[in-house]
C-alpha cells in the first residue's frame, strides 16, 4: 500500500477547494491580472499540491503569502 494520498490526481473536493482558493486570490486587487500570472499561479498550485492532500484551511495562508510574493502587481 502506498503512503502517498495520490500522485498528481485530485479528488473532486480537493479540486474544488483549489479552484476556490485560486478564484479568491486572483480576484484580489493586488493580484496581477495578466494571463501569464494566472496561468503560472495555477501551475504553482497543481505542482505544489500534486503529492499531498490539499487542506484549504491549513494551506491557504501559505498560498496567499506565495501569491503576494510572486504574483502581485508591480506597484513601483
C-alpha atoms as a PDB file:
ATOM      1  CA  UNK A   1       0.000   0.000   0.000  1.00  0.00           C
ATOM      2  CA  UNK A   2       1.339   3.407  -0.974  1.00  0.00           C
ATOM      3  CA  UNK A   3       1.703   6.003   1.785  1.00  0.00           C
ATOM      4  CA  UNK A   4       1.006   8.920  -0.574  1.00  0.00           C
ATOM      5  CA  UNK A   5      -2.585  10.015  -0.883  1.00  0.00           C
ATOM      6  CA  UNK A   6      -2.328  10.427  -4.661  1.00  0.00           C
ATOM      7  CA  UNK A   7       0.180  11.002  -7.407  1.00  0.00           C
ATOM      8  CA  UNK A   8      -0.814  14.115  -9.290  1.00  0.00           C
ATOM      9  CA  UNK A   9      -4.542  13.397  -9.255  1.00  0.00           C
ATOM     10  CA  UNK A  10      -7.008  15.403  -7.225  1.00  0.00           C
ATOM     11  CA  UNK A  11     -10.313  14.197  -5.908  1.00  0.00           C
ATOM     12  CA  UNK A  12     -13.299  16.414  -6.755  1.00  0.00           C
ATOM     13  CA  UNK A  13     -13.374  18.047  -3.300  1.00  0.00           C
ATOM     14  CA  UNK A  14      -9.683  18.963  -3.462  1.00  0.00           C
ATOM     15  CA  UNK A  15     -10.013  20.280  -6.995  1.00  0.00           C
ATOM     16  CA  UNK A  16     -12.996  22.380  -5.966  1.00  0.00           C
ATOM     17  CA  UNK A  17     -11.092  23.735  -2.960  1.00  0.00           C
ATOM     18  CA  UNK A  18      -8.064  24.577  -5.136  1.00  0.00           C
ATOM     19  CA  UNK A  19     -10.351  26.319  -7.631  1.00  0.00           C
ATOM     20  CA  UNK A  20     -11.974  28.290  -4.830  1.00  0.00           C
ATOM     21  CA  UNK A  21      -8.625  29.485  -3.446  1.00  0.00           C
ATOM     22  CA  UNK A  22      -7.421  30.295  -6.972  1.00  0.00           C
ATOM     23  CA  UNK A  23     -10.570  32.298  -7.739  1.00  0.00           C
ATOM     24  CA  UNK A  24     -10.471  34.142  -4.434  1.00  0.00           C
ATOM     25  CA  UNK A  25      -6.826  35.157  -4.680  1.00  0.00           C
ATOM     26  CA  UNK A  26      -6.781  36.040  -8.374  1.00  0.00           C
ATOM     27  CA  UNK A  27      -9.755  38.349  -7.766  1.00  0.00           C
ATOM     28  CA  UNK A  28      -7.819  40.405  -5.210  1.00  0.00           C
ATOM     29  CA  UNK A  29      -6.832  43.915  -6.310  1.00  0.00           C
ATOM     30  CA  UNK A  30      -3.156  43.212  -5.604  1.00  0.00           C
ATOM     31  CA  UNK A  31      -3.023  40.114  -7.863  1.00  0.00           C
ATOM     32  CA  UNK A  32      -1.534  40.660 -11.338  1.00  0.00           C
ATOM     33  CA  UNK A  33      -4.493  40.057 -13.668  1.00  0.00           C
ATOM     34  CA  UNK A  34      -2.346  39.070 -16.647  1.00  0.00           C
ATOM     35  CA  UNK A  35      -2.992  35.700 -18.255  1.00  0.00           C
ATOM     36  CA  UNK A  36       0.640  34.770 -17.621  1.00  0.00           C
ATOM     37  CA  UNK A  37       0.386  35.411 -13.871  1.00  0.00           C
ATOM     38  CA  UNK A  38      -2.888  33.495 -13.592  1.00  0.00           C
ATOM     39  CA  UNK A  39      -1.514  30.555 -15.594  1.00  0.00           C
ATOM     40  CA  UNK A  40       1.705  30.403 -13.570  1.00  0.00           C
ATOM     41  CA  UNK A  41      -0.233  30.609 -10.317  1.00  0.00           C
ATOM     42  CA  UNK A  42      -2.449  27.700 -11.400  1.00  0.00           C
ATOM     43  CA  UNK A  43       0.674  25.674 -12.280  1.00  0.00           C
ATOM     44  CA  UNK A  44       2.154  26.551  -8.877  1.00  0.00           C
ATOM     45  CA  UNK A  45      -0.960  25.210  -7.149  1.00  0.00           C
ATOM     46  CA  UNK A  46      -1.024  21.963  -9.120  1.00  0.00           C
ATOM     47  CA  UNK A  47       2.716  21.396  -8.764  1.00  0.00           C
ATOM     48  CA  UNK A  48       2.817  22.237  -5.066  1.00  0.00           C
ATOM     49  CA  UNK A  49      -0.087  20.032  -4.055  1.00  0.00           C
ATOM     50  CA  UNK A  50       0.326  17.186  -6.547  1.00  0.00           C
ATOM     51  CA  UNK A  51       1.673  14.777  -3.934  1.00  0.00           C
ATOM     52  CA  UNK A  52      -0.181  15.815  -0.818  1.00  0.00           C
ATOM     53  CA  UNK A  53      -3.738  16.109   0.347  1.00  0.00           C
ATOM     54  CA  UNK A  54      -4.877  19.704  -0.092  1.00  0.00           C
ATOM     55  CA  UNK A  55      -6.380  21.246   3.039  1.00  0.00           C
ATOM     56  CA  UNK A  56      -7.612  24.788   2.299  1.00  0.00           C
ATOM     57  CA  UNK A  57      -7.707  25.795   5.976  1.00  0.00           C
ATOM     58  CA  UNK A  58      -4.122  24.658   6.526  1.00  0.00           C
ATOM     59  CA  UNK A  59      -2.591  25.657   3.181  1.00  0.00           C
ATOM     60  CA  UNK A  60      -4.372  28.903   2.282  1.00  0.00           C
ATOM     61  CA  UNK A  61      -2.143  31.226   4.371  1.00  0.00           C
ATOM     62  CA  UNK A  62       0.977  29.832   2.690  1.00  0.00           C
ATOM     63  CA  UNK A  63      -0.622  30.042  -0.749  1.00  0.00           C
ATOM     64  CA  UNK A  64      -1.633  33.658  -0.202  1.00  0.00           C
ATOM     65  CA  UNK A  65       1.836  34.575   1.029  1.00  0.00           C
ATOM     66  CA  UNK A  66       3.385  32.973  -2.062  1.00  0.00           C
ATOM     67  CA  UNK A  67       0.876  34.681  -4.348  1.00  0.00           C
ATOM     68  CA  UNK A  68       1.660  38.058  -2.794  1.00  0.00           C
ATOM     69  CA  UNK A  69       5.395  37.491  -3.279  1.00  0.00           C
ATOM     70  CA  UNK A  70       5.347  36.069  -6.811  1.00  0.00           C
ATOM     71  CA  UNK A  71       2.098  37.233  -8.445  1.00  0.00           C
ATOM     72  CA  UNK A  72       1.358  40.685  -7.043  1.00  0.00           C
ATOM     73  CA  UNK A  73       1.142  43.672  -9.355  1.00  0.00           C
ATOM     74  CA  UNK A  74       4.247  45.808  -9.569  1.00  0.00           C
ATOM     75  CA  UNK A  75       3.466  48.931  -7.590  1.00  0.00           C
ATOM     76  CA  UNK A  76       6.705  50.772  -8.165  1.00  0.00           C
END
